[in-house]
């Protein structure tokens, strides 16, 4: 296994005083000369990476310039989405290009899904200490 990094689940509080512990990862997204640090949810059930509209705007992306439409399903099925490729970096691991379905919705976290976060990284979850390891996949 290539050198990886261990992260711990993060407690997030929601309205009505509820909180949940989820696998969130602090990641820096870069598009052109702009960077934004966000908390992203690792979602093994998500087929694609998802980027909320406001985060894309913070990165300087222009909706009308993105011509590839991405169909979404589930809670986001009625939201239009367009493809946006950005660089993602976290911890001491090398940055990678991440393809996002940039949705017009802001009612969604940044989601890291199978296409292409889990295609770039091996992720091992450990329930006993609520942690996960991430390491780059070997190429070739």
N, C-alpha and C. Protein backbone atom coordinates (compact mmCIF):
# COMPACT_ATOMS: atom_id res chain seq x y z
N UNK A 1 0.85 -1.18 0.00
CA UNK A 1 0.00 0.00 0.00
C UNK A 1 0.89 1.24 0.00
N UNK A 2 0.52 2.23 -0.81
CA UNK A 2 1.25 3.48 -0.84
C UNK A 2 1.04 4.24 0.46
N UNK A 3 1.94 5.17 0.73
CA UNK A 3 1.84 5.94 1.96
C UNK A 3 0.52 6.71 2.00
N UNK A 4 -0.17 6.61 3.10
CA UNK A 4 -1.47 7.26 3.24
C UNK A 4 -1.53 8.14 4.46
N UNK A 5 -2.73 8.54 4.80
CA UNK A 5 -2.95 9.45 5.90
C UNK A 5 -4.22 9.02 6.63
N UNK A 6 -4.22 9.10 7.97
CA UNK A 6 -5.40 8.75 8.76
C UNK A 6 -6.15 10.03 9.13
N UNK A 7 -7.47 9.95 9.04
CA UNK A 7 -8.37 11.04 9.40
C UNK A 7 -9.43 10.49 10.33
N UNK A 8 -10.05 11.37 11.09
CA UNK A 8 -11.09 10.95 12.03
C UNK A 8 -12.42 11.57 11.65
N UNK A 9 -13.49 10.84 11.93
CA UNK A 9 -14.83 11.34 11.66
C UNK A 9 -15.02 12.66 12.40
N UNK A 10 -15.89 13.50 11.87
CA UNK A 10 -16.14 14.83 12.43
C UNK A 10 -17.58 14.93 12.89
N UNK A 11 -17.77 15.52 14.05
CA UNK A 11 -19.13 15.75 14.54
C UNK A 11 -19.65 17.04 13.93
N UNK A 12 -20.84 16.95 13.35
CA UNK A 12 -21.48 18.11 12.75
C UNK A 12 -22.81 18.33 13.45
N UNK A 13 -23.09 19.58 13.82
CA UNK A 13 -24.36 19.91 14.46
C UNK A 13 -25.32 20.48 13.44
N UNK A 14 -26.57 20.10 13.57
CA UNK A 14 -27.61 20.56 12.67
C UNK A 14 -28.70 21.26 13.48
N UNK A 15 -29.69 21.78 12.77
CA UNK A 15 -30.78 22.47 13.46
C UNK A 15 -31.48 21.52 14.41
N UNK A 16 -32.18 22.08 15.33
CA UNK A 16 -32.91 21.34 16.37
C UNK A 16 -31.98 20.60 17.31
N UNK A 17 -30.71 21.02 17.38
CA UNK A 17 -29.77 20.46 18.35
C UNK A 17 -29.25 19.07 18.04
N UNK A 18 -29.55 18.55 16.85
CA UNK A 18 -29.06 17.22 16.49
C UNK A 18 -27.62 17.30 16.01
N UNK A 19 -26.87 16.25 16.27
CA UNK A 19 -25.52 16.17 15.72
C UNK A 19 -25.26 14.76 15.24
N UNK A 20 -24.39 14.64 14.25
CA UNK A 20 -24.01 13.35 13.70
C UNK A 20 -22.50 13.32 13.52
N UNK A 21 -21.96 12.12 13.54
CA UNK A 21 -20.52 11.95 13.30
C UNK A 21 -20.37 11.32 11.92
N UNK A 22 -19.69 12.03 11.02
CA UNK A 22 -19.58 11.62 9.63
C UNK A 22 -18.14 11.73 9.15
N UNK A 23 -17.81 11.03 8.03
CA UNK A 23 -16.45 11.10 7.48
C UNK A 23 -16.26 12.35 6.61
N UNK A 24 -16.01 13.47 7.25
CA UNK A 24 -15.71 14.71 6.54
C UNK A 24 -14.20 14.89 6.43
N UNK A 25 -13.79 15.53 5.35
CA UNK A 25 -12.38 15.75 5.07
C UNK A 25 -12.19 17.22 4.69
N UNK A 26 -11.23 17.87 5.32
CA UNK A 26 -10.89 19.23 4.94
C UNK A 26 -10.04 19.16 3.68
N UNK A 27 -10.50 19.81 2.62
CA UNK A 27 -9.81 19.74 1.33
C UNK A 27 -9.74 21.13 0.72
N UNK A 28 -8.63 21.42 0.06
CA UNK A 28 -8.46 22.70 -0.63
C UNK A 28 -8.72 22.46 -2.11
N UNK A 29 -9.72 23.16 -2.64
CA UNK A 29 -10.06 23.09 -4.05
C UNK A 29 -9.49 24.31 -4.75
N UNK A 30 -8.88 24.09 -5.92
CA UNK A 30 -8.27 25.18 -6.67
C UNK A 30 -8.77 25.13 -8.10
N UNK A 31 -9.17 26.31 -8.59
CA UNK A 31 -9.62 26.46 -9.97
C UNK A 31 -9.00 27.76 -10.47
N UNK A 32 -8.15 27.65 -11.46
CA UNK A 32 -7.42 28.83 -11.93
C UNK A 32 -6.53 29.35 -10.82
N UNK A 33 -6.68 30.63 -10.48
CA UNK A 33 -5.83 31.22 -9.43
C UNK A 33 -6.55 31.35 -8.09
N UNK A 34 -7.73 30.73 -7.96
CA UNK A 34 -8.49 30.82 -6.71
C UNK A 34 -8.54 29.48 -6.00
N UNK A 35 -8.46 29.55 -4.67
CA UNK A 35 -8.56 28.35 -3.85
C UNK A 35 -9.57 28.57 -2.73
N UNK A 36 -10.24 27.49 -2.36
CA UNK A 36 -11.21 27.53 -1.27
C UNK A 36 -11.02 26.27 -0.45
N UNK A 37 -10.96 26.44 0.88
CA UNK A 37 -10.90 25.27 1.75
C UNK A 37 -12.32 24.93 2.20
N UNK A 38 -12.71 23.69 2.02
CA UNK A 38 -14.06 23.25 2.36
C UNK A 38 -14.01 21.94 3.14
N UNK A 39 -15.09 21.64 3.82
CA UNK A 39 -15.27 20.34 4.44
C UNK A 39 -16.09 19.51 3.46
N UNK A 40 -15.56 18.36 3.06
CA UNK A 40 -16.22 17.51 2.08
C UNK A 40 -16.60 16.18 2.72
N UNK A 41 -17.77 15.68 2.36
CA UNK A 41 -18.25 14.42 2.87
C UNK A 41 -17.80 13.29 1.96
N UNK A 42 -17.12 12.29 2.52
CA UNK A 42 -16.79 11.08 1.76
C UNK A 42 -18.04 10.23 1.74
N UNK A 43 -18.58 10.00 0.55
CA UNK A 43 -19.86 9.30 0.42
C UNK A 43 -19.70 8.10 -0.50
N UNK A 44 -19.59 6.92 0.09
CA UNK A 44 -19.39 5.71 -0.70
C UNK A 44 -20.63 5.37 -1.54
N UNK A 45 -21.76 5.98 -1.26
CA UNK A 45 -22.97 5.74 -2.03
C UNK A 45 -23.17 6.72 -3.17
N UNK A 46 -22.31 7.73 -3.26
CA UNK A 46 -22.44 8.73 -4.32
C UNK A 46 -21.67 8.29 -5.56
N UNK A 47 -22.34 8.34 -6.72
CA UNK A 47 -21.63 7.96 -7.93
C UNK A 47 -20.66 9.03 -8.40
N UNK A 48 -20.95 10.29 -8.11
CA UNK A 48 -20.10 11.39 -8.58
C UNK A 48 -19.74 12.34 -7.44
N UNK A 49 -18.70 13.12 -7.66
CA UNK A 49 -18.38 14.22 -6.76
C UNK A 49 -19.39 15.33 -7.03
N UNK A 50 -19.83 16.02 -5.99
CA UNK A 50 -20.83 17.08 -6.14
C UNK A 50 -20.30 18.36 -5.50
N UNK A 51 -20.46 19.46 -6.22
CA UNK A 51 -20.01 20.77 -5.75
C UNK A 51 -21.20 21.72 -5.68
N UNK A 52 -21.49 22.30 -4.50
CA UNK A 52 -22.58 23.28 -4.40
C UNK A 52 -22.29 24.52 -5.25
N UNK A 53 -23.34 25.16 -5.69
CA UNK A 53 -23.24 26.31 -6.58
C UNK A 53 -22.34 27.41 -5.99
N UNK A 54 -22.56 27.75 -4.74
CA UNK A 54 -21.81 28.85 -4.11
C UNK A 54 -20.30 28.57 -4.08
N UNK A 55 -19.91 27.33 -3.86
CA UNK A 55 -18.47 27.00 -3.82
C UNK A 55 -17.86 27.19 -5.21
N UNK A 56 -18.59 26.79 -6.25
CA UNK A 56 -18.10 27.02 -7.61
C UNK A 56 -17.91 28.51 -7.90
N UNK A 57 -18.85 29.33 -7.43
CA UNK A 57 -18.71 30.78 -7.61
C UNK A 57 -17.51 31.32 -6.85
N UNK A 58 -17.29 30.83 -5.62
CA UNK A 58 -16.13 31.26 -4.84
C UNK A 58 -14.82 30.93 -5.56
N UNK A 59 -14.83 29.84 -6.32
CA UNK A 59 -13.64 29.44 -7.08
C UNK A 59 -13.47 30.25 -8.37
N UNK A 60 -14.47 31.06 -8.68
CA UNK A 60 -14.38 31.89 -9.88
C UNK A 60 -14.93 31.23 -11.13
N UNK A 61 -15.58 30.09 -10.98
CA UNK A 61 -16.16 29.41 -12.14
C UNK A 61 -17.38 30.17 -12.63
N UNK A 62 -17.60 30.13 -13.93
CA UNK A 62 -18.75 30.80 -14.55
C UNK A 62 -19.68 29.73 -15.09
N UNK A 63 -20.90 29.71 -14.58
CA UNK A 63 -21.87 28.67 -14.91
C UNK A 63 -22.03 28.51 -16.42
N UNK A 64 -22.21 29.62 -17.12
CA UNK A 64 -22.47 29.57 -18.57
C UNK A 64 -21.29 29.02 -19.37
N UNK A 65 -20.09 29.07 -18.82
CA UNK A 65 -18.91 28.54 -19.52
C UNK A 65 -18.79 27.02 -19.43
N UNK A 66 -19.53 26.41 -18.54
CA UNK A 66 -19.46 24.96 -18.35
C UNK A 66 -20.52 24.33 -19.26
N UNK A 67 -20.08 23.57 -20.25
CA UNK A 67 -21.01 23.09 -21.28
C UNK A 67 -21.41 21.63 -21.13
N UNK A 68 -20.73 20.88 -20.27
CA UNK A 68 -21.06 19.46 -20.08
C UNK A 68 -22.11 19.34 -18.98
N UNK A 69 -23.28 18.83 -19.33
CA UNK A 69 -24.33 18.65 -18.32
C UNK A 69 -24.17 17.27 -17.68
N UNK A 70 -24.45 17.21 -16.39
CA UNK A 70 -24.31 15.98 -15.60
C UNK A 70 -25.67 15.67 -14.98
N UNK A 71 -26.27 14.52 -15.30
CA UNK A 71 -27.54 14.17 -14.65
C UNK A 71 -27.30 13.73 -13.22
N UNK A 72 -28.09 14.22 -12.30
CA UNK A 72 -27.99 13.82 -10.90
C UNK A 72 -29.22 12.99 -10.54
N UNK A 73 -29.11 12.26 -9.44
CA UNK A 73 -30.23 11.43 -9.00
C UNK A 73 -30.50 11.70 -7.52
N UNK A 74 -31.43 10.98 -6.96
CA UNK A 74 -31.74 11.12 -5.54
C UNK A 74 -32.30 12.50 -5.23
N UNK A 75 -31.87 13.06 -4.09
CA UNK A 75 -32.37 14.38 -3.65
C UNK A 75 -32.05 15.49 -4.63
N UNK A 76 -31.05 15.30 -5.48
CA UNK A 76 -30.63 16.35 -6.41
C UNK A 76 -31.13 16.13 -7.83
N UNK A 77 -32.03 15.18 -8.03
CA UNK A 77 -32.49 14.84 -9.38
C UNK A 77 -33.10 16.03 -10.12
N UNK A 78 -33.71 16.95 -9.40
CA UNK A 78 -34.35 18.10 -10.06
C UNK A 78 -33.39 19.28 -10.23
N UNK A 79 -32.15 19.15 -9.76
CA UNK A 79 -31.17 20.24 -9.87
C UNK A 79 -30.31 20.06 -11.11
N UNK A 80 -30.15 21.13 -11.85
CA UNK A 80 -29.25 21.08 -13.00
C UNK A 80 -27.81 21.05 -12.49
N UNK A 81 -26.95 20.32 -13.20
CA UNK A 81 -25.54 20.25 -12.83
C UNK A 81 -24.68 20.25 -14.09
N UNK A 82 -23.52 20.85 -13.97
CA UNK A 82 -22.57 20.90 -15.09
C UNK A 82 -21.20 20.46 -14.60
N UNK A 83 -20.43 19.89 -15.50
CA UNK A 83 -19.10 19.39 -15.14
C UNK A 83 -18.11 20.51 -14.87
N UNK A 84 -17.32 20.33 -13.83
CA UNK A 84 -16.28 21.29 -13.48
C UNK A 84 -15.11 20.51 -12.90
N UNK A 85 -13.92 20.68 -13.50
CA UNK A 85 -12.72 19.98 -13.03
C UNK A 85 -11.86 20.96 -12.26
N UNK A 86 -11.52 20.58 -11.02
CA UNK A 86 -10.69 21.42 -10.16
C UNK A 86 -9.58 20.56 -9.57
N UNK A 87 -8.59 21.20 -9.03
CA UNK A 87 -7.53 20.49 -8.31
C UNK A 87 -7.93 20.38 -6.85
N UNK A 88 -7.69 19.22 -6.26
CA UNK A 88 -7.99 19.02 -4.85
C UNK A 88 -6.76 18.57 -4.11
N UNK A 89 -6.50 19.17 -2.96
CA UNK A 89 -5.35 18.76 -2.15
C UNK A 89 -5.74 18.74 -0.68
N UNK A 90 -5.15 17.79 0.03
CA UNK A 90 -5.40 17.67 1.46
C UNK A 90 -4.21 16.98 2.09
N UNK A 91 -3.96 17.35 3.33
CA UNK A 91 -2.88 16.75 4.10
C UNK A 91 -1.57 16.84 3.32
N UNK A 92 -0.76 15.81 3.42
CA UNK A 92 0.54 15.81 2.75
C UNK A 92 0.50 15.07 1.42
N UNK A 93 -0.69 14.64 0.99
CA UNK A 93 -0.82 13.90 -0.26
C UNK A 93 -0.79 14.85 -1.45
N UNK A 94 -0.29 14.37 -2.57
CA UNK A 94 -0.18 15.20 -3.77
C UNK A 94 -1.56 15.60 -4.29
N UNK A 95 -1.68 16.82 -4.84
CA UNK A 95 -2.96 17.26 -5.41
C UNK A 95 -3.37 16.37 -6.58
N UNK A 96 -4.68 16.25 -6.78
CA UNK A 96 -5.23 15.48 -7.90
C UNK A 96 -6.33 16.30 -8.57
N UNK A 97 -6.59 15.99 -9.84
CA UNK A 97 -7.71 16.62 -10.53
C UNK A 97 -8.98 15.87 -10.14
N UNK A 98 -9.98 16.63 -9.74
CA UNK A 98 -11.26 16.05 -9.35
C UNK A 98 -12.36 16.61 -10.25
N UNK A 99 -13.16 15.72 -10.81
CA UNK A 99 -14.27 16.12 -11.67
C UNK A 99 -15.53 16.20 -10.81
N UNK A 100 -16.17 17.35 -10.82
CA UNK A 100 -17.37 17.57 -10.02
C UNK A 100 -18.60 17.78 -10.89
N UNK A 101 -19.73 17.36 -10.37
CA UNK A 101 -21.03 17.78 -10.88
C UNK A 101 -21.35 19.05 -10.09
N UNK A 102 -21.16 20.20 -10.74
CA UNK A 102 -21.40 21.49 -10.10
C UNK A 102 -22.89 21.77 -10.22
N UNK A 103 -23.58 21.69 -9.10
CA UNK A 103 -25.03 21.82 -9.10
C UNK A 103 -25.47 23.23 -8.76
N UNK A 104 -26.62 23.61 -9.23
CA UNK A 104 -27.17 24.92 -8.90
C UNK A 104 -27.75 24.95 -7.50
N UNK A 105 -27.72 23.85 -6.80
CA UNK A 105 -28.22 23.79 -5.44
C UNK A 105 -27.13 24.18 -4.44
N UNK A 106 -27.55 24.84 -3.37
CA UNK A 106 -26.64 25.11 -2.25
C UNK A 106 -27.01 24.27 -1.03
N UNK A 107 -28.06 23.46 -1.17
CA UNK A 107 -28.53 22.63 -0.05
C UNK A 107 -27.88 21.26 -0.07
N UNK A 108 -26.60 21.23 -0.32
CA UNK A 108 -25.85 19.97 -0.38
C UNK A 108 -24.41 20.28 0.06
N UNK A 109 -23.77 19.34 0.77
CA UNK A 109 -22.36 19.57 1.08
C UNK A 109 -21.51 19.26 -0.15
N UNK A 110 -20.24 19.61 -0.10
CA UNK A 110 -19.31 19.10 -1.09
C UNK A 110 -19.25 17.60 -0.85
N UNK A 111 -19.48 16.82 -1.90
CA UNK A 111 -19.49 15.36 -1.78
C UNK A 111 -18.37 14.78 -2.61
N UNK A 112 -17.62 13.86 -2.01
CA UNK A 112 -16.59 13.13 -2.73
C UNK A 112 -17.11 11.72 -2.95
N UNK A 113 -17.34 11.36 -4.22
CA UNK A 113 -17.94 10.08 -4.58
C UNK A 113 -17.03 9.22 -5.44
N UNK A 114 -17.63 8.20 -6.02
CA UNK A 114 -16.86 7.22 -6.80
C UNK A 114 -16.20 7.83 -8.01
N UNK A 115 -16.89 8.69 -8.73
CA UNK A 115 -16.31 9.31 -9.92
C UNK A 115 -15.93 10.72 -9.56
N UNK A 116 -14.81 11.13 -9.19
CA UNK A 116 -13.64 10.31 -9.34
C UNK A 116 -12.77 10.24 -8.07
N UNK A 117 -13.29 10.65 -6.92
CA UNK A 117 -12.46 10.61 -5.72
C UNK A 117 -12.05 9.18 -5.38
N UNK A 118 -13.01 8.26 -5.35
CA UNK A 118 -12.69 6.88 -5.00
C UNK A 118 -11.96 6.17 -6.14
N UNK A 119 -11.93 6.76 -7.33
CA UNK A 119 -11.11 6.23 -8.42
C UNK A 119 -9.64 6.63 -8.23
N UNK A 120 -9.41 7.73 -7.53
CA UNK A 120 -8.05 8.23 -7.30
C UNK A 120 -7.43 7.74 -6.00
N UNK A 121 -8.28 7.41 -5.01
CA UNK A 121 -7.77 7.06 -3.69
C UNK A 121 -8.41 5.78 -3.16
N UNK A 122 -7.61 5.00 -2.46
CA UNK A 122 -8.13 3.89 -1.67
C UNK A 122 -8.52 4.47 -0.32
N UNK A 123 -9.70 4.11 0.16
CA UNK A 123 -10.17 4.60 1.45
C UNK A 123 -10.59 3.40 2.29
N UNK A 124 -10.06 3.32 3.50
CA UNK A 124 -10.41 2.24 4.43
C UNK A 124 -11.05 2.87 5.65
N UNK A 125 -12.27 2.43 5.98
CA UNK A 125 -12.99 2.95 7.14
C UNK A 125 -12.81 2.01 8.32
N UNK A 126 -12.66 2.59 9.53
CA UNK A 126 -12.50 1.83 10.76
C UNK A 126 -13.57 2.27 11.74
N UNK A 127 -14.56 1.43 11.94
CA UNK A 127 -15.68 1.78 12.81
C UNK A 127 -15.27 1.85 14.27
N UNK A 128 -14.34 1.00 14.70
CA UNK A 128 -14.01 0.94 16.12
C UNK A 128 -13.45 2.25 16.67
N UNK A 129 -12.74 3.02 15.85
CA UNK A 129 -12.25 4.31 16.33
C UNK A 129 -12.72 5.47 15.45
N UNK A 130 -13.76 5.21 14.63
CA UNK A 130 -14.35 6.22 13.76
C UNK A 130 -13.27 7.00 13.00
N UNK A 131 -12.49 6.25 12.25
CA UNK A 131 -11.40 6.83 11.48
C UNK A 131 -11.44 6.28 10.06
N UNK A 132 -10.69 6.92 9.18
CA UNK A 132 -10.53 6.39 7.83
C UNK A 132 -9.14 6.75 7.34
N UNK A 133 -8.56 5.85 6.55
CA UNK A 133 -7.26 6.05 5.93
C UNK A 133 -7.48 6.33 4.45
N UNK A 134 -6.71 7.25 3.91
CA UNK A 134 -6.75 7.56 2.49
C UNK A 134 -5.34 7.43 1.95
N UNK A 135 -5.19 6.69 0.87
CA UNK A 135 -3.90 6.63 0.19
C UNK A 135 -4.12 6.61 -1.32
N UNK A 136 -3.20 7.18 -2.06
CA UNK A 136 -3.35 7.22 -3.53
C UNK A 136 -3.37 5.81 -4.10
N UNK A 137 -4.17 5.61 -5.15
CA UNK A 137 -4.17 4.33 -5.86
C UNK A 137 -2.92 4.25 -6.72
N UNK A 138 -2.39 3.05 -6.87
CA UNK A 138 -1.25 2.86 -7.75
C UNK A 138 -1.73 2.97 -9.19
N UNK A 139 -0.99 3.68 -9.99
CA UNK A 139 -1.34 3.84 -11.41
C UNK A 139 -0.67 2.74 -12.21
N UNK A 140 -1.38 2.31 -13.26
CA UNK A 140 -0.78 1.34 -14.18
C UNK A 140 -1.25 0.02 -14.01
